[in-house]
Amino acid sequence: MSERFDVYGFRTDDLEEARNRVEESLSIRLRTGDSSYWGLYYLCGSGARRDYMLYRNTTGEWSTGVGANFGVILLVNNVPEMDHVRQRLVDGGDDPVLLRSRDYPDSDDDDDA
């Protein structure tokens, strides 16, 4: 079974506005995090797992190129029903926009014989 990781961009710079949209769309609660790299961010997941992570787009790969026009980034990391999550996020509005979706095959699927 493969793992999928999606990246969404919000055109707004308002992190709280994006948080409200994600929580309402997915019926989840994001908790606050803070770090020297990410600054203030929101996440959902158990333990060290970050199923969802929402942060201001000020540094990293999404601050330039295809992501440059998006003030807030949402990472969705291999949660159940990824297609349903995508539909709930992008249905009925301009934000967020799916910037990238990547599938990674499970290492157990490799046939070394």
C-alpha atoms as a PDB file:
ATOM      1  CA  MET A   1       0.000   0.000   0.000  1.00  0.00           C
ATOM      2  CA  SER A   2       1.348   3.426  -0.889  1.00  0.00           C
ATOM      3  CA  GLU A   3       1.502   6.571   1.211  1.00  0.00           C
ATOM      4  CA  ARG A   4       0.194   9.896  -0.076  1.00  0.00           C
ATOM      5  CA  PHE A   5       1.158  13.418   0.885  1.00  0.00           C
ATOM      6  CA  ASP A   6      -0.776  16.482  -0.351  1.00  0.00           C
ATOM      7  CA  VAL A   7       0.141  20.159  -0.149  1.00  0.00           C
ATOM      8  CA  TYR A   8      -2.509  22.892  -0.352  1.00  0.00           C
ATOM      9  CA  GLY A   9      -2.085  26.637  -0.612  1.00  0.00           C
ATOM     10  CA  PHE A  10      -4.329  29.418   0.694  1.00  0.00           C
ATOM     11  CA  ARG A  11      -4.177  32.797  -1.038  1.00  0.00           C
ATOM     12  CA  THR A  12      -4.813  34.556   2.252  1.00  0.00           C
ATOM     13  CA  ASP A  13      -2.063  35.582   4.664  1.00  0.00           C
ATOM     14  CA  ASP A  14      -4.523  35.122   7.544  1.00  0.00           C
ATOM     15  CA  LEU A  15      -3.531  31.946   9.377  1.00  0.00           C
ATOM     16  CA  GLU A  16      -6.664  32.052  11.574  1.00  0.00           C
ATOM     17  CA  GLU A  17      -8.941  32.315   8.546  1.00  0.00           C
ATOM     18  CA  ALA A  18      -7.246  29.288   6.978  1.00  0.00           C
ATOM     19  CA  ARG A  19      -7.454  27.402  10.277  1.00  0.00           C
ATOM     20  CA  ASN A  20     -11.189  28.010  10.499  1.00  0.00           C
ATOM     21  CA  ARG A  21     -11.677  26.808   6.909  1.00  0.00           C
ATOM     22  CA  VAL A  22      -9.724  23.588   7.540  1.00  0.00           C
ATOM     23  CA  GLU A  23     -11.459  22.831  10.837  1.00  0.00           C
ATOM     24  CA  GLU A  24     -14.933  23.443   9.384  1.00  0.00           C
ATOM     25  CA  SER A  25     -14.265  21.544   6.151  1.00  0.00           C
ATOM     26  CA  LEU A  26     -12.750  18.472   7.793  1.00  0.00           C
ATOM     27  CA  SER A  27     -14.498  18.499  11.193  1.00  0.00           C
ATOM     28  CA  ILE A  28     -11.160  18.398  13.002  1.00  0.00           C
ATOM     29  CA  ARG A  29      -9.505  20.510  15.690  1.00  0.00           C
ATOM     30  CA  LEU A  30      -6.040  21.911  15.070  1.00  0.00           C
ATOM     31  CA  ARG A  31      -3.834  22.597  18.061  1.00  0.00           C
ATOM     32  CA  THR A  32      -1.266  25.353  18.297  1.00  0.00           C
ATOM     33  CA  GLY A  33       2.448  24.809  17.889  1.00  0.00           C
ATOM     34  CA  ASP A  34       5.335  27.247  17.867  1.00  0.00           C
ATOM     35  CA  SER A  35       8.907  26.840  16.706  1.00  0.00           C
ATOM     36  CA  SER A  36      11.838  28.972  15.673  1.00  0.00           C
ATOM     37  CA  TYR A  37      11.580  27.610  12.103  1.00  0.00           C
ATOM     38  CA  TRP A  38       7.811  27.465  11.474  1.00  0.00           C
ATOM     39  CA  GLY A  39       6.763  30.245  13.819  1.00  0.00           C
ATOM     40  CA  LEU A  40       3.150  29.869  14.949  1.00  0.00           C
ATOM     41  CA  TYR A  41       1.516  26.870  13.259  1.00  0.00           C
ATOM     42  CA  TYR A  42      -1.383  24.480  13.724  1.00  0.00           C
ATOM     43  CA  LEU A  43      -1.365  20.711  13.630  1.00  0.00           C
ATOM     44  CA  CYS A  44      -3.516  17.669  14.167  1.00  0.00           C
ATOM     45  CA  GLY A  45      -2.269  14.168  14.808  1.00  0.00           C
ATOM     46  CA  SER A  46      -1.263  11.900  17.642  1.00  0.00           C
ATOM     47  CA  GLY A  47       2.180  11.948  19.217  1.00  0.00           C
ATOM     48  CA  ALA A  48       4.933  13.004  16.815  1.00  0.00           C
ATOM     49  CA  ARG A  49       2.697  12.283  13.806  1.00  0.00           C
ATOM     50  CA  ARG A  50       1.517  15.354  11.955  1.00  0.00           C
ATOM     51  CA  ASP A  51      -1.510  14.316   9.918  1.00  0.00           C
ATOM     52  CA  TYR A  52      -2.303  17.953   9.193  1.00  0.00           C
ATOM     53  CA  MET A  53       0.010  20.939   9.515  1.00  0.00           C
ATOM     54  CA  LEU A  54      -0.978  24.518   8.701  1.00  0.00           C
ATOM     55  CA  TYR A  55       1.586  27.321   8.653  1.00  0.00           C
ATOM     56  CA  ARG A  56       2.436  30.740   7.181  1.00  0.00           C
ATOM     57  CA  ASN A  57       4.322  30.492   3.918  1.00  0.00           C
ATOM     58  CA  THR A  58       7.383  32.573   4.741  1.00  0.00           C
ATOM     59  CA  THR A  59      10.280  30.134   4.271  1.00  0.00           C
ATOM     60  CA  GLY A  60      11.043  26.890   2.503  1.00  0.00           C
ATOM     61  CA  GLU A  61      10.140  25.464  -0.887  1.00  0.00           C
ATOM     62  CA  TRP A  62       6.614  26.944  -1.033  1.00  0.00           C
ATOM     63  CA  SER A  63       7.731  30.564  -0.547  1.00  0.00           C
ATOM     64  CA  THR A  64       8.971  30.671  -4.157  1.00  0.00           C
ATOM     65  CA  GLY A  65       7.901  29.186  -7.477  1.00  0.00           C
ATOM     66  CA  VAL A  66       4.444  27.653  -7.683  1.00  0.00           C
ATOM     67  CA  GLY A  67       3.697  28.437  -4.023  1.00  0.00           C
ATOM     68  CA  ALA A  68       4.790  32.068  -4.003  1.00  0.00           C
ATOM     69  CA  ASN A  69       1.234  33.458  -4.281  1.00  0.00           C
ATOM     70  CA  PHE A  70      -0.043  31.489  -1.298  1.00  0.00           C
ATOM     71  CA  GLY A  71       0.202  32.990   2.176  1.00  0.00           C
ATOM     72  CA  VAL A  72      -0.651  29.829   4.104  1.00  0.00           C
ATOM     73  CA  ILE A  73       0.292  26.194   3.425  1.00  0.00           C
ATOM     74  CA  LEU A  74      -1.540  23.052   4.571  1.00  0.00           C
ATOM     75  CA  LEU A  75       0.228  19.691   4.599  1.00  0.00           C
ATOM     76  CA  VAL A  76      -1.961  16.578   4.647  1.00  0.00           C
ATOM     77  CA  ASN A  77       0.142  13.539   5.454  1.00  0.00           C
ATOM     78  CA  ASN A  78      -1.182  10.104   4.554  1.00  0.00           C
ATOM     79  CA  VAL A  79      -4.498  10.268   6.395  1.00  0.00           C
ATOM     80  CA  PRO A  80      -7.293   7.785   5.680  1.00  0.00           C
ATOM     81  CA  GLU A  81      -9.537   8.713   2.738  1.00  0.00           C
ATOM     82  CA  MET A  82      -7.175  11.238   1.135  1.00  0.00           C
ATOM     83  CA  ASP A  83      -9.531  11.720  -1.832  1.00  0.00           C
ATOM     84  CA  HIS A  84     -12.397  12.558   0.515  1.00  0.00           C
ATOM     85  CA  VAL A  85     -10.180  15.059   2.358  1.00  0.00           C
ATOM     86  CA  ARG A  86      -9.236  16.672  -0.972  1.00  0.00           C
ATOM     87  CA  GLN A  87     -12.863  16.945  -2.025  1.00  0.00           C
ATOM     88  CA  ARG A  88     -13.928  18.503   1.292  1.00  0.00           C
ATOM     89  CA  LEU A  89     -11.102  21.048   1.164  1.00  0.00           C
ATOM     90  CA  VAL A  90     -11.474  22.253  -2.420  1.00  0.00           C
ATOM     91  CA  ASP A  91     -15.247  21.882  -2.827  1.00  0.00           C
ATOM     92  CA  GLY A  92     -17.175  25.125  -3.002  1.00  0.00           C
ATOM     93  CA  GLY A  93     -14.446  27.732  -2.830  1.00  0.00           C
ATOM     94  CA  ASP A  94     -11.313  29.265  -4.230  1.00  0.00           C
ATOM     95  CA  ASP A  95      -9.157  28.260  -1.260  1.00  0.00           C
ATOM     96  CA  PRO A  96      -7.315  26.101  -0.717  1.00  0.00           C
ATOM     97  CA  VAL A  97      -5.681  25.054  -3.982  1.00  0.00           C
ATOM     98  CA  LEU A  98      -3.982  21.681  -4.334  1.00  0.00           C
ATOM     99  CA  LEU A  99      -0.330  22.483  -5.079  1.00  0.00           C
ATOM    100  CA  ARG A 100       1.103  18.964  -5.064  1.00  0.00           C
ATOM    101  CA  SER A 101       0.101  15.381  -4.418  1.00  0.00           C
ATOM    102  CA  ARG A 102       2.718  12.654  -4.125  1.00  0.00           C
ATOM    103  CA  ASP A 103       2.351   8.925  -3.721  1.00  0.00           C
ATOM    104  CA  TYR A 104       5.192   6.880  -2.303  1.00  0.00           C
ATOM    105  CA  PRO A 105       5.098   3.091  -2.627  1.00  0.00           C
ATOM    106  CA  ASP A 106       5.384   1.085   0.555  1.00  0.00           C
ATOM    107  CA  SER A 107       8.824  -0.512   0.807  1.00  0.00           C
ATOM    108  CA  ASP A 108       7.111  -3.885   1.395  1.00  0.00           C
ATOM    109  CA  ASP A 109       5.682  -3.652  -2.159  1.00  0.00           C
ATOM    110  CA  ASP A 110       9.169  -3.771  -3.691  1.00  0.00           C
ATOM    111  CA  ASP A 111       9.978  -7.050  -5.385  1.00  0.00           C
ATOM    112  CA  ASP A 112      13.695  -7.690  -5.020  1.00  0.00           C
ATOM    113  CA  ALA A 113      13.556 -11.243  -6.422  1.00  0.00           C
END
